[in-house]
Amino acid sequence: MEEVIMIAGMALVTFLVRYPLLELVGKIPLPDRLFRALRYVPPAVLAAIILPTMVMPKGEIAITPTNPFLVAGLIAALVAWRTKNLLLTVIVGMISLLVYRALISG
């Protein structure tokens, strides 16, 4: 029961912190330049989350061909760049990671 109360409390705090800003943004006009800049936030956040795992899978920098996360990430980036299809990128990235791991492990 404590977990439910804690999750509800975190949800409430998150809502109370974000709602006033979202309400304010809806009422005042914002420049188009700001909206164009905000388009780059999701890719930047995604890169900040994924890139450390790709280049440091065991806590140390491993930019080598034996790093399956790096190889799969580069393959997925190539697919994303060429197709601009998120689902295909995720599927190809996962498959390439599994196949490359199997190939280098034996």
PDB file of N, CA and C in Angstrom:
ATOM      1  N   MET A   1       0.819  -1.198   0.000  1.00  0.00           N
ATOM      2  CA  MET A   1       0.000   0.000   0.000  1.00  0.00           C
ATOM      3  C   MET A   1       0.864   1.264   0.000  1.00  0.00           C
ATOM      4  N   GLU A   2       2.038   1.186   0.650  1.00  0.00           N
ATOM      5  CA  GLU A   2       2.923   2.345   0.676  1.00  0.00           C
ATOM      6  C   GLU A   2       3.402   2.706  -0.721  1.00  0.00           C
ATOM      7  N   GLU A   3       3.624   1.670  -1.554  1.00  0.00           N
ATOM      8  CA  GLU A   3       4.091   1.933  -2.905  1.00  0.00           C
ATOM      9  C   GLU A   3       3.063   2.712  -3.708  1.00  0.00           C
ATOM     10  N   VAL A   4       1.794   2.366  -3.540  1.00  0.00           N
ATOM     11  CA  VAL A   4       0.725   3.055  -4.264  1.00  0.00           C
ATOM     12  C   VAL A   4       0.654   4.518  -3.839  1.00  0.00           C
ATOM     13  N   ILE A   5       0.770   4.771  -2.543  1.00  0.00           N
ATOM     14  CA  ILE A   5       0.750   6.147  -2.050  1.00  0.00           C
ATOM     15  C   ILE A   5       1.961   6.918  -2.575  1.00  0.00           C
ATOM     16  N   MET A   6       3.115   6.269  -2.607  1.00  0.00           N
ATOM     17  CA  MET A   6       4.321   6.934  -3.093  1.00  0.00           C
ATOM     18  C   MET A   6       4.195   7.259  -4.596  1.00  0.00           C
ATOM     19  N   ILE A   7       3.691   6.323  -5.381  1.00  0.00           N
ATOM     20  CA  ILE A   7       3.517   6.569  -6.816  1.00  0.00           C
ATOM     21  C   ILE A   7       2.492   7.668  -7.047  1.00  0.00           C
ATOM     22  N   ALA A   8       1.399   7.656  -6.292  1.00  0.00           N
ATOM     23  CA  ALA A   8       0.391   8.715  -6.423  1.00  0.00           C
ATOM     24  C   ALA A   8       0.972  10.071  -6.036  1.00  0.00           C
ATOM     25  N   GLY A   9       1.794  10.094  -5.003  1.00  0.00           N
ATOM     26  CA  GLY A   9       2.432  11.347  -4.597  1.00  0.00           C
ATOM     27  C   GLY A   9       3.382  11.871  -5.658  1.00  0.00           C
ATOM     28  N   MET A  10       4.169  10.967  -6.260  1.00  0.00           N
ATOM     29  CA  MET A  10       5.084  11.389  -7.320  1.00  0.00           C
ATOM     30  C   MET A  10       4.313  11.911  -8.531  1.00  0.00           C
ATOM     31  N   ALA A  11       3.216  11.246  -8.862  1.00  0.00           N
ATOM     32  CA  ALA A  11       2.393  11.704  -9.987  1.00  0.00           C
ATOM     33  C   ALA A  11       1.812  13.083  -9.700  1.00  0.00           C
ATOM     34  N   LEU A  12       1.346  13.297  -8.471  1.00  0.00           N
ATOM     35  CA  LEU A  12       0.779  14.591  -8.097  1.00  0.00           C
ATOM     36  C   LEU A  12       1.832  15.700  -8.161  1.00  0.00           C
ATOM     37  N   VAL A  13       3.017  15.434  -7.633  1.00  0.00           N
ATOM     38  CA  VAL A  13       4.084  16.438  -7.667  1.00  0.00           C
ATOM     39  C   VAL A  13       4.472  16.753  -9.110  1.00  0.00           C
ATOM     40  N   THR A  14       4.597  15.720  -9.931  1.00  0.00           N
ATOM     41  CA  THR A  14       4.931  15.939 -11.334  1.00  0.00           C
ATOM     42  C   THR A  14       3.872  16.780 -12.023  1.00  0.00           C
ATOM     43  N   PHE A  15       2.613  16.472 -11.770  1.00  0.00           N
ATOM     44  CA  PHE A  15       1.516  17.234 -12.364  1.00  0.00           C
ATOM     45  C   PHE A  15       1.537  18.684 -11.906  1.00  0.00           C
ATOM     46  N   LEU A  16       1.715  18.897 -10.600  1.00  0.00           N
ATOM     47  CA  LEU A  16       1.691  20.263 -10.066  1.00  0.00           C
ATOM     48  C   LEU A  16       2.866  21.106 -10.551  1.00  0.00           C
ATOM     49  N   VAL A  17       3.979  20.470 -10.863  1.00  0.00           N
ATOM     50  CA  VAL A  17       5.130  21.215 -11.358  1.00  0.00           C
ATOM     51  C   VAL A  17       4.945  21.582 -12.831  1.00  0.00           C
ATOM     52  N   ARG A  18       4.342  20.709 -13.597  1.00  0.00           N
ATOM     53  CA  ARG A  18       4.252  20.923 -15.039  1.00  0.00           C
ATOM     54  C   ARG A  18       2.983  21.638 -15.492  1.00  0.00           C
ATOM     55  N   TYR A  19       1.884  21.439 -14.829  1.00  0.00           N
ATOM     56  CA  TYR A  19       0.611  21.982 -15.297  1.00  0.00           C
ATOM     57  C   TYR A  19       0.589  23.500 -15.416  1.00  0.00           C
ATOM     58  N   PRO A  20       1.082  24.247 -14.430  1.00  0.00           N
ATOM     59  CA  PRO A  20       1.012  25.713 -14.578  1.00  0.00           C
ATOM     60  C   PRO A  20       1.748  26.229 -15.819  1.00  0.00           C
ATOM     61  N   LEU A  21       2.881  25.649 -16.136  1.00  0.00           N
ATOM     62  CA  LEU A  21       3.609  26.083 -17.320  1.00  0.00           C
ATOM     63  C   LEU A  21       2.839  25.742 -18.590  1.00  0.00           C
ATOM     64  N   LEU A  22       2.272  24.542 -18.651  1.00  0.00           N
ATOM     65  CA  LEU A  22       1.489  24.165 -19.825  1.00  0.00           C
ATOM     66  C   LEU A  22       0.254  25.038 -19.972  1.00  0.00           C
ATOM     67  N   GLU A  23      -0.371  25.383 -18.879  1.00  0.00           N
ATOM     68  CA  GLU A  23      -1.536  26.262 -18.912  1.00  0.00           C
ATOM     69  C   GLU A  23      -1.137  27.652 -19.401  1.00  0.00           C
ATOM     70  N   LEU A  24       0.001  28.132 -18.958  1.00  0.00           N
ATOM     71  CA  LEU A  24       0.483  29.458 -19.362  1.00  0.00           C
ATOM     72  C   LEU A  24       0.843  29.481 -20.847  1.00  0.00           C
ATOM     73  N   VAL A  25       1.476  28.420 -21.333  1.00  0.00           N
ATOM     74  CA  VAL A  25       1.865  28.362 -22.741  1.00  0.00           C
ATOM     75  C   VAL A  25       0.636  28.406 -23.641  1.00  0.00           C
ATOM     76  N   GLY A  26      -0.456  27.831 -23.193  1.00  0.00           N
ATOM     77  CA  GLY A  26      -1.679  27.848 -23.988  1.00  0.00           C
ATOM     78  C   GLY A  26      -2.325  29.215 -24.079  1.00  0.00           C
ATOM     79  N   LYS A  27      -1.995  30.115 -23.186  1.00  0.00           N
ATOM     80  CA  LYS A  27      -2.658  31.415 -23.148  1.00  0.00           C
ATOM     81  C   LYS A  27      -1.850  32.551 -23.768  1.00  0.00           C
ATOM     82  N   ILE A  28      -0.538  32.408 -23.836  1.00  0.00           N
ATOM     83  CA  ILE A  28       0.264  33.489 -24.409  1.00  0.00           C
ATOM     84  C   ILE A  28       0.877  33.029 -25.732  1.00  0.00           C
ATOM     85  N   PRO A  29       0.966  33.939 -26.689  1.00  0.00           N
ATOM     86  CA  PRO A  29       1.565  33.544 -27.973  1.00  0.00           C
ATOM     87  C   PRO A  29       3.083  33.397 -27.845  1.00  0.00           C
ATOM     88  N   LEU A  30       3.588  32.323 -28.397  1.00  0.00           N
ATOM     89  CA  LEU A  30       5.027  32.078 -28.380  1.00  0.00           C
ATOM     90  C   LEU A  30       5.570  32.192 -29.803  1.00  0.00           C
ATOM     91  N   PRO A  31       6.786  32.644 -29.954  1.00  0.00           N
ATOM     92  CA  PRO A  31       7.343  32.804 -31.307  1.00  0.00           C
ATOM     93  C   PRO A  31       7.555  31.456 -32.005  1.00  0.00           C
ATOM     94  N   ASP A  32       7.415  31.486 -33.315  1.00  0.00           N
ATOM     95  CA  ASP A  32       7.619  30.271 -34.106  1.00  0.00           C
ATOM     96  C   ASP A  32       9.037  29.734 -33.957  1.00  0.00           C
ATOM     97  N   ARG A  33       9.973  30.636 -33.738  1.00  0.00           N
ATOM     98  CA  ARG A  33      11.364  30.214 -33.573  1.00  0.00           C
ATOM     99  C   ARG A  33      11.512  29.262 -32.380  1.00  0.00           C
ATOM    100  N   LEU A  34      10.773  29.525 -31.306  1.00  0.00           N
ATOM    101  CA  LEU A  34      10.810  28.657 -30.128  1.00  0.00           C
ATOM    102  C   LEU A  34      10.250  27.279 -30.458  1.00  0.00           C
ATOM    103  N   PHE A  35       9.130  27.245 -31.178  1.00  0.00           N
ATOM    104  CA  PHE A  35       8.545  25.958 -31.545  1.00  0.00           C
ATOM    105  C   PHE A  35       9.460  25.172 -32.479  1.00  0.00           C
ATOM    106  N   ARG A  36      10.145  25.850 -33.383  1.00  0.00           N
ATOM    107  CA  ARG A  36      11.099  25.163 -34.254  1.00  0.00           C
ATOM    108  C   ARG A  36      12.258  24.589 -33.434  1.00  0.00           C
ATOM    109  N   ALA A  37      12.710  25.325 -32.439  1.00  0.00           N
ATOM    110  CA  ALA A  37      13.804  24.835 -31.590  1.00  0.00           C
ATOM    111  C   ALA A  37      13.352  23.651 -30.740  1.00  0.00           C
ATOM    112  N   LEU A  38      12.125  23.668 -30.286  1.00  0.00           N
ATOM    113  CA  LEU A  38      11.623  22.585 -29.436  1.00  0.00           C
ATOM    114  C   LEU A  38      11.474  21.265 -30.199  1.00  0.00           C
ATOM    115  N   ARG A  39      11.455  21.308 -31.506  1.00  0.00           N
ATOM    116  CA  ARG A  39      11.383  20.072 -32.293  1.00  0.00           C
ATOM    117  C   ARG A  39      12.605  19.196 -32.067  1.00  0.00           C
ATOM    118  N   TYR A  40      13.716  19.802 -31.669  1.00  0.00           N
ATOM    119  CA  TYR A  40      14.958  19.053 -31.501  1.00  0.00           C
ATOM    120  C   TYR A  40      15.132  18.473 -30.095  1.00  0.00           C
ATOM    121  N   VAL A  41      14.226  18.757 -29.197  1.00  0.00           N
ATOM    122  CA  VAL A  41      14.354  18.258 -27.824  1.00  0.00           C
ATOM    123  C   VAL A  41      14.227  16.732 -27.755  1.00  0.00           C
ATOM    124  N   PRO A  42      13.203  16.104 -28.341  1.00  0.00           N
ATOM    125  CA  PRO A  42      13.115  14.637 -28.228  1.00  0.00           C
ATOM    126  C   PRO A  42      14.321  13.894 -28.791  1.00  0.00           C
ATOM    127  N   PRO A  43      14.832  14.241 -29.996  1.00  0.00           N
ATOM    128  CA  PRO A  43      16.019  13.522 -30.453  1.00  0.00           C
ATOM    129  C   PRO A  43      17.239  13.750 -29.561  1.00  0.00           C
ATOM    130  N   ALA A  44      17.374  14.954 -29.017  1.00  0.00           N
ATOM    131  CA  ALA A  44      18.519  15.234 -28.148  1.00  0.00           C
ATOM    132  C   ALA A  44      18.439  14.429 -26.857  1.00  0.00           C
ATOM    133  N   VAL A  45      17.254  14.332 -26.280  1.00  0.00           N
ATOM    134  CA  VAL A  45      17.073  13.556 -25.049  1.00  0.00           C
ATOM    135  C   VAL A  45      17.306  12.073 -25.328  1.00  0.00           C
ATOM    136  N   LEU A  46      16.767  11.587 -26.440  1.00  0.00           N
ATOM    137  CA  LEU A  46      16.958  10.181 -26.796  1.00  0.00           C
ATOM    138  C   LEU A  46      18.434   9.864 -26.998  1.00  0.00           C
ATOM    139  N   ALA A  47      19.144  10.745 -27.666  1.00  0.00           N
ATOM    140  CA  ALA A  47      20.585  10.532 -27.865  1.00  0.00           C
ATOM    141  C   ALA A  47      21.326  10.544 -26.536  1.00  0.00           C
ATOM    142  N   ALA A  48      20.935  11.432 -25.628  1.00  0.00           N
ATOM    143  CA  ALA A  48      21.599  11.505 -24.320  1.00  0.00           C
ATOM    144  C   ALA A  48      21.352  10.253 -23.492  1.00  0.00           C
ATOM    145  N   ILE A  49      20.245   9.591 -23.717  1.00  0.00           N
ATOM    146  CA  ILE A  49      19.947   8.360 -22.981  1.00  0.00           C
ATOM    147  C   ILE A  49      20.659   7.167 -23.610  1.00  0.00           C
ATOM    148  N   ILE A  50      20.647   7.080 -24.926  1.00  0.00           N
ATOM    149  CA  ILE A  50      21.144   5.891 -25.625  1.00  0.00           C
ATOM    150  C   ILE A  50      22.648   5.895 -25.836  1.00  0.00           C
ATOM    151  N   LEU A  51      23.225   7.027 -26.171  1.00  0.00           N
ATOM    152  CA  LEU A  51      24.642   7.081 -26.535  1.00  0.00           C
ATOM    153  C   LEU A  51      25.591   6.561 -25.445  1.00  0.00           C
ATOM    154  N   PRO A  52      25.399   6.905 -24.172  1.00  0.00           N
ATOM    155  CA  PRO A  52      26.298   6.336 -23.153  1.00  0.00           C
ATOM    156  C   PRO A  52      26.261   4.809 -23.099  1.00  0.00           C
ATOM    157  N   THR A  53      25.102   4.223 -23.300  1.00  0.00           N
ATOM    158  CA  THR A  53      25.000   2.767 -23.292  1.00  0.00           C
ATOM    159  C   THR A  53      25.706   2.170 -24.502  1.00  0.00           C
ATOM    160  N   MET A  54      25.640   2.871 -25.625  1.00  0.00           N
ATOM    161  CA  MET A  54      26.295   2.353 -26.832  1.00  0.00           C
ATOM    162  C   MET A  54      27.809   2.381 -26.714  1.00  0.00           C
ATOM    163  N   VAL A  55      28.371   3.453 -26.212  1.00  0.00           N
ATOM    164  CA  VAL A  55      29.836   3.572 -26.203  1.00  0.00           C
ATOM    165  C   VAL A  55      30.469   3.118 -24.889  1.00  0.00           C
ATOM    166  N   MET A  56      29.662   2.949 -23.840  1.00  0.00           N
ATOM    167  CA  MET A  56      30.195   2.500 -22.549  1.00  0.00           C
ATOM    168  C   MET A  56      29.338   1.376 -21.977  1.00  0.00           C
ATOM    169  N   PRO A  57      29.250   0.228 -22.648  1.00  0.00           N
ATOM    170  CA  PRO A  57      28.353  -0.826 -22.177  1.00  0.00           C
ATOM    171  C   PRO A  57      28.734  -1.419 -20.822  1.00  0.00           C
ATOM    172  N   LYS A  58      30.001  -1.369 -20.458  1.00  0.00           N
ATOM    173  CA  LYS A  58      30.444  -1.932 -19.171  1.00  0.00           C
ATOM    174  C   LYS A  58      31.070  -0.875 -18.284  1.00  0.00           C
ATOM    175  N   GLY A  59      30.730   0.389 -18.527  1.00  0.00           N
ATOM    176  CA  GLY A  59      31.242   1.460 -17.698  1.00  0.00           C
ATOM    177  C   GLY A  59      32.516   2.102 -18.197  1.00  0.00           C
ATOM    178  N   GLU A  60      33.126   1.519 -19.210  1.00  0.00           N
ATOM    179  CA  GLU A  60      34.345   2.077 -19.798  1.00  0.00           C
ATOM    180  C   GLU A  60      34.110   2.277 -21.291  1.00  0.00           C
ATOM    181  N   ILE A  61      34.735   3.290 -21.843  1.00  0.00           N
ATOM    182  CA  ILE A  61      34.557   3.579 -23.266  1.00  0.00           C
ATOM    183  C   ILE A  61      35.074   2.408 -24.089  1.00  0.00           C
ATOM    184  N   ALA A  62      34.213   1.920 -24.987  1.00  0.00           N
ATOM    185  CA  ALA A  62      34.557   0.775 -25.840  1.00  0.00           C
ATOM    186  C   ALA A  62      34.122   1.076 -27.269  1.00  0.00           C
ATOM    187  N   ILE A  63      34.948   1.826 -27.974  1.00  0.00           N
ATOM    188  CA  ILE A  63      34.653   2.132 -29.369  1.00  0.00           C
ATOM    189  C   ILE A  63      35.479   1.169 -30.218  1.00  0.00           C
ATOM    190  N   THR A  64      34.989  -0.064 -30.258  1.00  0.00           N
ATOM    191  CA  THR A  64      35.680  -1.127 -30.984  1.00  0.00           C
ATOM    192  C   THR A  64      34.656  -1.938 -31.768  1.00  0.00           C
ATOM    193  N   PRO A  65      35.111  -2.676 -32.768  1.00  0.00           N
ATOM    194  CA  PRO A  65      34.187  -3.529 -33.524  1.00  0.00           C
ATOM    195  C   PRO A  65      33.617  -4.680 -32.699  1.00  0.00           C
ATOM    196  N   THR A  66      34.187  -4.951 -31.536  1.00  0.00           N
ATOM    197  CA  THR A  66      33.666  -6.032 -30.692  1.00  0.00           C
ATOM    198  C   THR A  66      32.563  -5.563 -29.747  1.00  0.00           C
ATOM    199  N   ASN A  67      32.205  -4.285 -29.808  1.00  0.00           N
ATOM    200  CA  ASN A  67      31.131  -3.742 -28.982  1.00  0.00           C
ATOM    201  C   ASN A  67      29.819  -3.891 -29.752  1.00  0.00           C
ATOM    202  N   PRO A  68      28.987  -4.891 -29.392  1.00  0.00           N
ATOM    203  CA  PRO A  68      27.761  -5.126 -30.155  1.00  0.00           C
ATOM    204  C   PRO A  68      26.759  -3.976 -30.043  1.00  0.00           C
ATOM    205  N   PHE A  69      26.754  -3.257 -28.933  1.00  0.00           N
ATOM    206  CA  PHE A  69      25.834  -2.126 -28.780  1.00  0.00           C
ATOM    207  C   PHE A  69      26.175  -1.009 -29.762  1.00  0.00           C
ATOM    208  N   LEU A  70      27.445  -0.758 -29.930  1.00  0.00           N
ATOM    209  CA  LEU A  70      27.883   0.285 -30.854  1.00  0.00           C
ATOM    210  C   LEU A  70      27.574  -0.103 -32.297  1.00  0.00           C
ATOM    211  N   VAL A  71      27.876  -1.334 -32.665  1.00  0.00           N
ATOM    212  CA  VAL A  71      27.620  -1.793 -34.027  1.00  0.00           C
ATOM    213  C   VAL A  71      26.122  -1.760 -34.324  1.00  0.00           C
ATOM    214  N   ALA A  72      25.305  -2.282 -33.414  1.00  0.00           N
ATOM    215  CA  ALA A  72      23.852  -2.283 -33.620  1.00  0.00           C
ATOM    216  C   ALA A  72      23.307  -0.855 -33.651  1.00  0.00           C
ATOM    217  N   GLY A  73      23.844   0.014 -32.812  1.00  0.00           N
ATOM    218  CA  GLY A  73      23.408   1.408 -32.808  1.00  0.00           C
ATOM    219  C   GLY A  73      23.735   2.114 -34.103  1.00  0.00           C
ATOM    220  N   LEU A  74      24.908   1.844 -34.657  1.00  0.00           N
ATOM    221  CA  LEU A  74      25.277   2.450 -35.939  1.00  0.00           C
ATOM    222  C   LEU A  74      24.404   1.922 -37.073  1.00  0.00           C
ATOM    223  N   ILE A  75      24.106   0.651 -37.052  1.00  0.00           N
ATOM    224  CA  ILE A  75      23.210   0.075 -38.058  1.00  0.00           C
ATOM    225  C   ILE A  75      21.822   0.693 -37.929  1.00  0.00           C
ATOM    226  N   ALA A  76      21.327   0.808 -36.703  1.00  0.00           N
ATOM    227  CA  ALA A  76      20.010   1.410 -36.485  1.00  0.00           C
ATOM    228  C   ALA A  76      19.999   2.876 -36.912  1.00  0.00           C
ATOM    229  N   ALA A  77      21.078   3.601 -36.642  1.00  0.00           N
ATOM    230  CA  ALA A  77      21.151   5.004 -37.058  1.00  0.00           C
ATOM    231  C   ALA A  77      21.115   5.121 -38.575  1.00  0.00           C
ATOM    232  N   LEU A  78      21.793   4.212 -39.264  1.00  0.00           N
ATOM    233  CA  LEU A  78      21.778   4.214 -40.722  1.00  0.00           C
ATOM    234  C   LEU A  78      20.361   3.945 -41.256  1.00  0.00           C
ATOM    235  N   VAL A  79      19.678   2.977 -40.651  1.00  0.00           N
ATOM    236  CA  VAL A  79      18.306   2.664 -41.059  1.00  0.00           C
ATOM    237  C   VAL A  79      17.390   3.862 -40.789  1.00  0.00           C
ATOM    238  N   ALA A  80      17.554   4.494 -39.630  1.00  0.00           N
ATOM    239  CA  ALA A  80      16.728   5.663 -39.305  1.00  0.00           C
ATOM    240  C   ALA A  80      16.964   6.793 -40.296  1.00  0.00           C
ATOM    241  N   TRP A  81      18.214   7.008 -40.642  1.00  0.00           N
ATOM    242  CA  TRP A  81      18.554   8.087 -41.569  1.00  0.00           C
ATOM    243  C   TRP A  81      17.971   7.824 -42.960  1.00  0.00           C
ATOM    244  N   ARG A  82      18.069   6.579 -43.413  1.00  0.00           N
ATOM    245  CA  ARG A  82      17.615   6.268 -44.766  1.00  0.00           C
ATOM    246  C   ARG A  82      16.102   6.134 -44.880  1.00  0.00           C
ATOM    247  N   THR A  83      15.445   5.553 -43.849  1.00  0.00           N
ATOM    248  CA  THR A  83      14.010   5.265 -43.970  1.00  0.00           C
ATOM    249  C   THR A  83      13.117   6.232 -43.214  1.00  0.00           C
ATOM    250  N   LYS A  84      13.646   6.836 -42.146  1.00  0.00           N
ATOM    251  CA  LYS A  84      12.868   7.708 -41.263  1.00  0.00           C
ATOM    252  C   LYS A  84      11.627   6.968 -40.701  1.00  0.00           C
ATOM    253  N   ASN A  85      11.790   5.667 -40.483  1.00  0.00           N
ATOM    254  CA  ASN A  85      10.727   4.817 -39.967  1.00  0.00           C
ATOM    255  C   ASN A  85      11.152   4.311 -38.592  1.00  0.00           C
ATOM    256  N   LEU A  86      10.482   4.781 -37.549  1.00  0.00           N
ATOM    257  CA  LEU A  86      10.873   4.451 -36.180  1.00  0.00           C
ATOM    258  C   LEU A  86      10.740   2.964 -35.875  1.00  0.00           C
ATOM    259  N   LEU A  87       9.626   2.361 -36.253  1.00  0.00           N
ATOM    260  CA  LEU A  87       9.412   0.943 -35.962  1.00  0.00           C
ATOM    261  C   LEU A  87      10.464   0.075 -36.656  1.00  0.00           C
ATOM    262  N   LEU A  88      10.725   0.361 -37.916  1.00  0.00           N
ATOM    263  CA  LEU A  88      11.744  -0.399 -38.637  1.00  0.00           C
ATOM    264  C   LEU A  88      13.118  -0.213 -38.007  1.00  0.00           C
ATOM    265  N   THR A  89      13.412   1.003 -37.569  1.00  0.00           N
ATOM    266  CA  THR A  89      14.701   1.282 -36.929  1.00  0.00           C
ATOM    267  C   THR A  89      14.864   0.456 -35.661  1.00  0.00           C
ATOM    268  N   VAL A  90      13.834   0.418 -34.830  1.00  0.00           N
ATOM    269  CA  VAL A  90      13.902  -0.348 -33.585  1.00  0.00           C
ATOM    270  C   VAL A  90      14.058  -1.840 -33.866  1.00  0.00           C
ATOM    271  N   ILE A  91      13.283  -2.347 -34.811  1.00  0.00           N
ATOM    272  CA  ILE A  91      13.348  -3.777 -35.131  1.00  0.00           C
ATOM    273  C   ILE A  91      14.715  -4.147 -35.690  1.00  0.00           C
ATOM    274  N   VAL A  92      15.217  -3.373 -36.635  1.00  0.00           N
ATOM    275  CA  VAL A  92      16.525  -3.660 -37.223  1.00  0.00           C
ATOM    276  C   VAL A  92      17.621  -3.539 -36.165  1.00  0.00           C
ATOM    277  N   GLY A  93      17.527  -2.539 -35.300  1.00  0.00           N
ATOM    278  CA  GLY A  93      18.518  -2.380 -34.241  1.00  0.00           C
ATOM    279  C   GLY A  93      18.546  -3.567 -33.291  1.00  0.00           C
ATOM    280  N   MET A  94      17.365  -4.038 -32.896  1.00  0.00           N
ATOM    281  CA  MET A  94      17.303  -5.185 -31.980  1.00  0.00           C
ATOM    282  C   MET A  94      17.823  -6.458 -32.642  1.00  0.00           C
ATOM    283  N   ILE A  95      17.396  -6.671 -33.875  1.00  0.00           N
ATOM    284  CA  ILE A  95      17.848  -7.874 -34.580  1.00  0.00           C
ATOM    285  C   ILE A  95      19.351  -7.834 -34.807  1.00  0.00           C
ATOM    286  N   SER A  96      19.861  -6.673 -35.214  1.00  0.00           N
ATOM    287  CA  SER A  96      21.310  -6.593 -35.458  1.00  0.00           C
ATOM    288  C   SER A  96      22.098  -6.794 -34.164  1.00  0.00           C
ATOM    289  N   LEU A  97      21.579  -6.311 -33.037  1.00  0.00           N
ATOM    290  CA  LEU A  97      22.252  -6.544 -31.759  1.00  0.00           C
ATOM    291  C   LEU A  97      22.293  -8.035 -31.438  1.00  0.00           C
ATOM    292  N   LEU A  98      21.169  -8.708 -31.565  1.00  0.00           N
ATOM    293  CA  LEU A  98      21.114 -10.144 -31.249  1.00  0.00           C
ATOM    294  C   LEU A  98      21.997 -10.960 -32.194  1.00  0.00           C
ATOM    295  N   VAL A  99      21.939 -10.654 -33.489  1.00  0.00           N
ATOM    296  CA  VAL A  99      22.732 -11.407 -34.461  1.00  0.00           C
ATOM    297  C   VAL A  99      24.221 -11.156 -34.247  1.00  0.00           C
ATOM    298  N   TYR A 100      24.593  -9.889 -34.037  1.00  0.00           N
ATOM    299  CA  TYR A 100      26.009  -9.568 -33.871  1.00  0.00           C
ATOM    300  C   TYR A 100      26.564 -10.187 -32.571  1.00  0.00           C
ATOM    301  N   ARG A 101      25.758 -10.164 -31.506  1.00  0.00           N
ATOM    302  CA  ARG A 101      26.184 -10.821 -30.262  1.00  0.00           C
ATOM    303  C   ARG A 101      26.430 -12.301 -30.491  1.00  0.00           C
ATOM    304  N   ALA A 102      25.511 -12.944 -31.229  1.00  0.00           N
ATOM    305  CA  ALA A 102      25.657 -14.367 -31.490  1.00  0.00           C
ATOM    306  C   ALA A 102      26.901 -14.639 -32.342  1.00  0.00           C
ATOM    307  N   LEU A 103      27.187 -13.768 -33.290  1.00  0.00           N
ATOM    308  CA  LEU A 103      28.342 -13.966 -34.163  1.00  0.00           C
ATOM    309  C   LEU A 103      29.661 -13.798 -33.422  1.00  0.00           C
ATOM    310  N   ILE A 104      29.751 -12.781 -32.555  1.00  0.00           N
ATOM    311  CA  ILE A 104      31.049 -12.551 -31.897  1.00  0.00           C
ATOM    312  C   ILE A 104      31.253 -13.467 -30.685  1.00  0.00           C
ATOM    313  N   SER A 105      30.174 -14.055 -30.167  1.00  0.00           N
ATOM    314  CA  SER A 105      30.348 -14.921 -28.994  1.00  0.00           C
ATOM    315  C   SER A 105      30.709 -16.361 -29.390  1.00  0.00           C
ATOM    316  N   GLY A 106      30.544 -16.667 -30.610  1.00  0.00           N
ATOM    317  CA  GLY A 106      31.014 -17.981 -30.922  1.00  0.00           C
ATOM    318  C   GLY A 106      30.360 -18.643 -32.057  1.00  0.00           C
TER     319      GLY A 106
END
